[in-house]
Structures are given as C-alpha cells and as structure tokens.
C-alpha cells in the first residue's frame, strides 16, 4: 500500500474524529447521532449517485461517488471496520465470479 493512500488517510481521520466533540467535526456529529443518521446519509448519497449516473456529467458522478464512499467509510469507522478489513474481503472475492461469491455467502447474507 502506498504511504499516502487516500483511503487509509481517510480512515485515520475518521478514527481521529471519534475523540472530537460533535461541534468540532462533521464526522463526530454523525457519530454522536448514531447509525440511523449515518445510514440516512448513505441512502441520500446513494440516491444522488443514481441521479448523477443518469446525467452526462462525469465530474458530477465522480463527486457523488466520493460522497457515497466517504459516508460509507464513516459507517465503517462507527462500526470499527478498518480499511484493512475491507481490503481483505475484496481480496478474498477477487477472481471469483459474482455468482460463485453469492452462492458461497452465509445464510444471513442476501
């Protein structure tokens, strides 16, 4: 992993925000409101990604995708899921067909 990996840096900042007061940080304010608020932000951002995908504006789509990733990373941090946890899961799935991966999921997964 490169030393200046932006995803790693974002996870480090999100982790740091756990120690901040909600008035000092947007992420801290989301943490203080809990998973329901974080989930609603993810849902909002996902809708904005879908809307942007219908436009012919690549830059807007990139912007909205980054908002979605960021809020997803906030949820990961809230639930103590690290970037390494995500990397390991993606590495496990890499090279596996989507159908094969879906068939191998635990029963509680959809």
N, C-alpha and C. Protein backbone atom coordinates (compact mmCIF):
# COMPACT_ATOMS: atom_id res chain seq x y z
N UNK A 1 0.84 -1.17 0.00
CA UNK A 1 0.00 0.00 0.00
C UNK A 1 0.89 1.24 0.00
N UNK A 2 0.58 2.21 -0.87
CA UNK A 2 1.38 3.43 -0.88
C UNK A 2 1.26 4.18 0.45
N UNK A 3 2.32 4.85 0.83
CA UNK A 3 2.33 5.56 2.11
C UNK A 3 1.25 6.64 2.17
N UNK A 4 0.93 7.25 1.04
CA UNK A 4 -0.06 8.31 1.03
C UNK A 4 -1.41 7.84 0.46
N UNK A 5 -1.77 6.60 0.72
CA UNK A 5 -3.03 6.03 0.25
C UNK A 5 -4.19 6.85 0.81
N UNK A 6 -4.98 7.48 -0.05
CA UNK A 6 -6.05 8.38 0.38
C UNK A 6 -7.10 7.65 1.20
N UNK A 7 -7.37 6.40 0.88
CA UNK A 7 -8.37 5.66 1.66
C UNK A 7 -7.87 5.41 3.08
N UNK A 8 -6.61 5.04 3.20
CA UNK A 8 -6.02 4.85 4.53
C UNK A 8 -6.05 6.17 5.31
N UNK A 9 -5.70 7.26 4.65
CA UNK A 9 -5.70 8.56 5.32
C UNK A 9 -7.11 8.94 5.77
N UNK A 10 -8.11 8.68 4.95
CA UNK A 10 -9.49 8.98 5.34
C UNK A 10 -9.90 8.17 6.56
N UNK A 11 -9.56 6.89 6.58
CA UNK A 11 -9.90 6.06 7.73
C UNK A 11 -9.20 6.56 8.99
N UNK A 12 -7.97 7.03 8.85
CA UNK A 12 -7.26 7.57 10.02
C UNK A 12 -7.93 8.84 10.53
N UNK A 13 -8.36 9.70 9.64
CA UNK A 13 -9.07 10.92 10.05
C UNK A 13 -10.39 10.55 10.71
N UNK A 14 -11.13 9.62 10.13
CA UNK A 14 -12.41 9.19 10.71
C UNK A 14 -12.18 8.63 12.11
N UNK A 15 -11.16 7.82 12.27
CA UNK A 15 -10.84 7.27 13.59
C UNK A 15 -10.51 8.39 14.58
N UNK A 16 -9.75 9.37 14.14
CA UNK A 16 -9.40 10.51 14.99
C UNK A 16 -10.64 11.28 15.43
N UNK A 17 -11.64 11.36 14.56
CA UNK A 17 -12.84 12.14 14.87
C UNK A 17 -13.67 11.51 15.98
N UNK A 18 -13.43 10.25 16.29
CA UNK A 18 -14.13 9.61 17.41
C UNK A 18 -13.82 10.32 18.72
N UNK A 19 -12.68 10.99 18.78
CA UNK A 19 -12.24 11.68 20.01
C UNK A 19 -12.71 13.13 20.05
N UNK A 20 -13.33 13.61 19.00
CA UNK A 20 -13.71 15.02 18.90
C UNK A 20 -15.15 15.22 19.39
N UNK A 21 -15.41 16.46 19.76
CA UNK A 21 -16.78 16.85 20.12
C UNK A 21 -17.59 17.04 18.84
N UNK A 22 -18.89 16.73 18.88
CA UNK A 22 -19.73 16.91 17.69
C UNK A 22 -19.67 18.33 17.13
N UNK A 23 -19.44 19.31 17.97
CA UNK A 23 -19.38 20.70 17.48
C UNK A 23 -18.07 21.00 16.75
N UNK A 24 -17.10 20.10 16.86
CA UNK A 24 -15.79 20.31 16.25
C UNK A 24 -15.63 19.63 14.90
N UNK A 25 -16.53 18.70 14.57
CA UNK A 25 -16.30 17.86 13.40
C UNK A 25 -17.61 17.32 12.86
N UNK A 26 -17.75 17.36 11.53
CA UNK A 26 -18.92 16.77 10.88
C UNK A 26 -19.00 15.28 11.18
N UNK A 27 -17.87 14.58 11.08
CA UNK A 27 -17.86 13.14 11.34
C UNK A 27 -18.25 12.87 12.79
N UNK A 28 -17.69 13.63 13.71
CA UNK A 28 -18.05 13.46 15.12
C UNK A 28 -19.53 13.70 15.34
N UNK A 29 -20.10 14.67 14.62
CA UNK A 29 -21.54 14.92 14.77
C UNK A 29 -22.35 13.74 14.25
N UNK A 30 -21.90 13.12 13.16
CA UNK A 30 -22.58 11.91 12.67
C UNK A 30 -22.46 10.78 13.68
N UNK A 31 -21.26 10.60 14.24
CA UNK A 31 -21.07 9.55 15.24
C UNK A 31 -22.01 9.77 16.43
N UNK A 32 -22.17 11.01 16.86
CA UNK A 32 -23.00 11.29 18.03
C UNK A 32 -24.47 11.00 17.77
N UNK A 33 -24.87 11.05 16.50
CA UNK A 33 -26.28 10.79 16.14
C UNK A 33 -26.55 9.32 15.88
N UNK A 34 -25.49 8.53 15.74
CA UNK A 34 -25.64 7.09 15.64
C UNK A 34 -25.86 6.55 14.24
N UNK A 35 -26.06 5.25 14.21
CA UNK A 35 -26.11 4.52 12.95
C UNK A 35 -27.32 4.91 12.10
N UNK A 36 -28.43 5.26 12.73
CA UNK A 36 -29.60 5.65 11.93
C UNK A 36 -29.30 6.88 11.09
N UNK A 37 -28.64 7.88 11.67
CA UNK A 37 -28.30 9.09 10.93
C UNK A 37 -27.27 8.79 9.84
N UNK A 38 -26.27 7.98 10.17
CA UNK A 38 -25.25 7.62 9.18
C UNK A 38 -25.91 6.86 8.03
N UNK A 39 -26.79 5.93 8.35
CA UNK A 39 -27.50 5.18 7.32
C UNK A 39 -28.32 6.11 6.42
N UNK A 40 -28.97 7.10 7.02
CA UNK A 40 -29.78 8.01 6.21
C UNK A 40 -28.90 8.83 5.27
N UNK A 41 -27.70 9.18 5.72
CA UNK A 41 -26.77 9.90 4.84
C UNK A 41 -26.32 9.00 3.68
N UNK A 42 -26.06 7.74 3.97
CA UNK A 42 -25.66 6.80 2.92
C UNK A 42 -26.79 6.63 1.91
N UNK A 43 -28.01 6.51 2.39
CA UNK A 43 -29.16 6.37 1.50
C UNK A 43 -29.31 7.61 0.62
N UNK A 44 -29.16 8.78 1.23
CA UNK A 44 -29.24 10.04 0.49
C UNK A 44 -28.16 10.11 -0.58
N UNK A 45 -26.93 9.77 -0.19
CA UNK A 45 -25.81 9.84 -1.14
C UNK A 45 -25.97 8.81 -2.26
N UNK A 46 -26.48 7.62 -1.93
CA UNK A 46 -26.68 6.60 -2.96
C UNK A 46 -27.70 7.08 -3.99
N UNK A 47 -28.75 7.74 -3.53
CA UNK A 47 -29.74 8.29 -4.46
C UNK A 47 -29.11 9.35 -5.35
N UNK A 48 -28.25 10.17 -4.78
CA UNK A 48 -27.58 11.21 -5.56
C UNK A 48 -26.63 10.60 -6.60
N UNK A 49 -26.00 9.49 -6.26
CA UNK A 49 -25.15 8.79 -7.23
C UNK A 49 -26.01 8.30 -8.40
N UNK A 50 -27.14 7.69 -8.08
CA UNK A 50 -28.03 7.17 -9.13
C UNK A 50 -28.54 8.30 -10.02
N UNK A 51 -28.88 9.43 -9.42
CA UNK A 51 -29.35 10.58 -10.20
C UNK A 51 -28.22 11.10 -11.10
N UNK A 52 -27.02 11.21 -10.54
CA UNK A 52 -25.88 11.71 -11.32
C UNK A 52 -25.53 10.77 -12.46
N UNK A 53 -25.74 9.49 -12.26
CA UNK A 53 -25.43 8.49 -13.30
C UNK A 53 -26.31 8.67 -14.53
N UNK A 54 -27.47 9.27 -14.35
CA UNK A 54 -28.38 9.50 -15.46
C UNK A 54 -28.02 10.73 -16.29
N UNK A 55 -27.14 11.54 -15.74
CA UNK A 55 -26.70 12.75 -16.43
C UNK A 55 -25.48 12.45 -17.31
N UNK A 56 -25.18 13.37 -18.17
CA UNK A 56 -23.97 13.26 -18.98
C UNK A 56 -22.92 14.20 -18.40
N UNK A 57 -22.61 13.97 -17.12
CA UNK A 57 -21.67 14.83 -16.39
C UNK A 57 -20.76 13.96 -15.53
N UNK A 58 -19.67 13.53 -16.12
CA UNK A 58 -18.74 12.62 -15.44
C UNK A 58 -18.23 13.20 -14.13
N UNK A 59 -17.89 14.49 -14.12
CA UNK A 59 -17.37 15.12 -12.90
C UNK A 59 -18.39 15.09 -11.77
N UNK A 60 -19.65 15.32 -12.10
CA UNK A 60 -20.70 15.26 -11.07
C UNK A 60 -20.82 13.85 -10.51
N UNK A 61 -20.76 12.86 -11.38
CA UNK A 61 -20.83 11.48 -10.92
C UNK A 61 -19.66 11.16 -10.00
N UNK A 62 -18.47 11.56 -10.37
CA UNK A 62 -17.30 11.32 -9.51
C UNK A 62 -17.50 11.97 -8.15
N UNK A 63 -17.98 13.20 -8.14
CA UNK A 63 -18.23 13.93 -6.89
C UNK A 63 -19.21 13.16 -6.00
N UNK A 64 -20.31 12.71 -6.59
CA UNK A 64 -21.32 12.00 -5.80
C UNK A 64 -20.82 10.62 -5.34
N UNK A 65 -20.06 9.94 -6.19
CA UNK A 65 -19.46 8.66 -5.77
C UNK A 65 -18.55 8.84 -4.57
N UNK A 66 -17.78 9.92 -4.58
CA UNK A 66 -16.89 10.19 -3.45
C UNK A 66 -17.68 10.48 -2.18
N UNK A 67 -18.79 11.22 -2.30
CA UNK A 67 -19.65 11.45 -1.13
C UNK A 67 -20.16 10.13 -0.58
N UNK A 68 -20.59 9.23 -1.46
CA UNK A 68 -21.09 7.93 -1.02
C UNK A 68 -20.00 7.11 -0.35
N UNK A 69 -18.82 7.07 -0.96
CA UNK A 69 -17.71 6.34 -0.35
C UNK A 69 -17.37 6.91 1.02
N UNK A 70 -17.30 8.23 1.10
CA UNK A 70 -16.96 8.87 2.38
C UNK A 70 -17.96 8.48 3.48
N UNK A 71 -19.24 8.58 3.20
CA UNK A 71 -20.22 8.26 4.22
C UNK A 71 -20.23 6.76 4.55
N UNK A 72 -19.93 5.94 3.57
CA UNK A 72 -19.79 4.51 3.83
C UNK A 72 -18.59 4.25 4.74
N UNK A 73 -17.52 4.98 4.50
CA UNK A 73 -16.35 4.85 5.36
C UNK A 73 -16.65 5.33 6.78
N UNK A 74 -17.48 6.36 6.92
CA UNK A 74 -17.88 6.83 8.25
C UNK A 74 -18.63 5.70 8.97
N UNK A 75 -19.54 5.03 8.27
CA UNK A 75 -20.24 3.90 8.88
C UNK A 75 -19.27 2.81 9.29
N UNK A 76 -18.31 2.52 8.42
CA UNK A 76 -17.30 1.51 8.75
C UNK A 76 -16.57 1.90 10.03
N UNK A 77 -16.15 3.16 10.12
CA UNK A 77 -15.46 3.62 11.32
C UNK A 77 -16.34 3.54 12.55
N UNK A 78 -17.60 3.88 12.40
CA UNK A 78 -18.54 3.81 13.51
C UNK A 78 -18.65 2.39 14.04
N UNK A 79 -18.63 1.43 13.12
CA UNK A 79 -18.76 0.01 13.49
C UNK A 79 -17.40 -0.68 13.64
N UNK A 80 -16.33 0.10 13.71
CA UNK A 80 -14.97 -0.43 13.91
C UNK A 80 -14.52 -1.41 12.83
N UNK A 81 -14.90 -1.10 11.61
CA UNK A 81 -14.43 -1.85 10.44
C UNK A 81 -13.31 -1.03 9.82
N UNK A 82 -12.15 -1.63 9.65
CA UNK A 82 -10.99 -0.90 9.13
C UNK A 82 -10.89 -1.02 7.61
N UNK A 83 -10.07 -0.16 7.04
CA UNK A 83 -9.80 -0.26 5.60
C UNK A 83 -9.14 -1.60 5.29
N UNK A 84 -8.33 -2.12 6.21
CA UNK A 84 -7.72 -3.43 6.00
C UNK A 84 -8.77 -4.54 5.99
N UNK A 85 -9.81 -4.41 6.83
CA UNK A 85 -10.91 -5.39 6.81
C UNK A 85 -11.57 -5.40 5.43
N UNK A 86 -11.78 -4.21 4.88
CA UNK A 86 -12.41 -4.12 3.56
C UNK A 86 -11.48 -4.67 2.48
N UNK A 87 -10.20 -4.35 2.58
CA UNK A 87 -9.24 -4.88 1.60
C UNK A 87 -9.22 -6.41 1.62
N UNK A 88 -9.19 -6.97 2.83
CA UNK A 88 -9.14 -8.44 2.95
C UNK A 88 -10.35 -9.09 2.32
N UNK A 89 -11.53 -8.50 2.54
CA UNK A 89 -12.74 -9.07 1.96
C UNK A 89 -12.73 -8.95 0.44
N UNK A 90 -12.30 -7.80 -0.07
CA UNK A 90 -12.22 -7.65 -1.53
C UNK A 90 -11.17 -8.58 -2.12
N UNK A 91 -10.06 -8.76 -1.42
CA UNK A 91 -9.03 -9.70 -1.89
C UNK A 91 -9.59 -11.12 -1.92
N UNK A 92 -10.38 -11.48 -0.90
CA UNK A 92 -10.97 -12.82 -0.84
C UNK A 92 -11.88 -13.04 -2.05
N UNK A 93 -12.60 -12.01 -2.45
CA UNK A 93 -13.54 -12.12 -3.56
C UNK A 93 -12.89 -12.00 -4.92
N UNK A 94 -11.71 -11.41 -4.97
CA UNK A 94 -11.06 -11.13 -6.25
C UNK A 94 -10.85 -12.40 -7.05
N UNK A 95 -11.22 -12.38 -8.32
CA UNK A 95 -11.04 -13.54 -9.18
C UNK A 95 -12.17 -14.54 -9.09
N UNK A 96 -13.13 -14.27 -8.21
CA UNK A 96 -14.27 -15.16 -8.04
C UNK A 96 -15.45 -14.53 -8.80
N UNK A 97 -16.19 -15.34 -9.49
CA UNK A 97 -17.34 -14.78 -10.20
C UNK A 97 -18.37 -14.31 -9.19
N UNK A 98 -19.16 -13.34 -9.58
CA UNK A 98 -20.22 -12.84 -8.71
C UNK A 98 -21.21 -13.92 -8.33
N UNK A 99 -21.50 -14.80 -9.25
CA UNK A 99 -22.44 -15.89 -8.96
C UNK A 99 -21.84 -16.86 -7.94
N UNK A 100 -20.55 -17.14 -8.10
CA UNK A 100 -19.87 -18.04 -7.16
C UNK A 100 -19.82 -17.41 -5.77
N UNK A 101 -19.50 -16.12 -5.71
CA UNK A 101 -19.43 -15.43 -4.43
C UNK A 101 -20.78 -15.42 -3.75
N UNK A 102 -21.83 -15.14 -4.51
CA UNK A 102 -23.18 -15.09 -3.94
C UNK A 102 -23.59 -16.46 -3.41
N UNK A 103 -23.28 -17.51 -4.13
CA UNK A 103 -23.64 -18.87 -3.71
C UNK A 103 -22.91 -19.27 -2.42
N UNK A 104 -21.73 -18.70 -2.19
CA UNK A 104 -20.94 -19.05 -1.02
C UNK A 104 -21.22 -18.22 0.22
N UNK A 105 -22.15 -17.27 0.15
CA UNK A 105 -22.46 -16.41 1.29
C UNK A 105 -23.14 -17.18 2.40
N UNK A 106 -22.99 -16.67 3.60
CA UNK A 106 -23.69 -17.23 4.75
C UNK A 106 -25.19 -16.99 4.58
N UNK A 107 -25.99 -17.74 5.28
CA UNK A 107 -27.44 -17.67 5.10
C UNK A 107 -28.02 -16.31 5.47
N UNK A 108 -27.38 -15.53 6.36
CA UNK A 108 -27.92 -14.23 6.73
C UNK A 108 -27.63 -13.16 5.69
N UNK A 109 -26.77 -13.46 4.72
CA UNK A 109 -26.49 -12.52 3.65
C UNK A 109 -27.53 -12.66 2.56
N UNK A 110 -27.72 -11.59 1.81
CA UNK A 110 -28.69 -11.63 0.70
C UNK A 110 -27.99 -11.79 -0.61
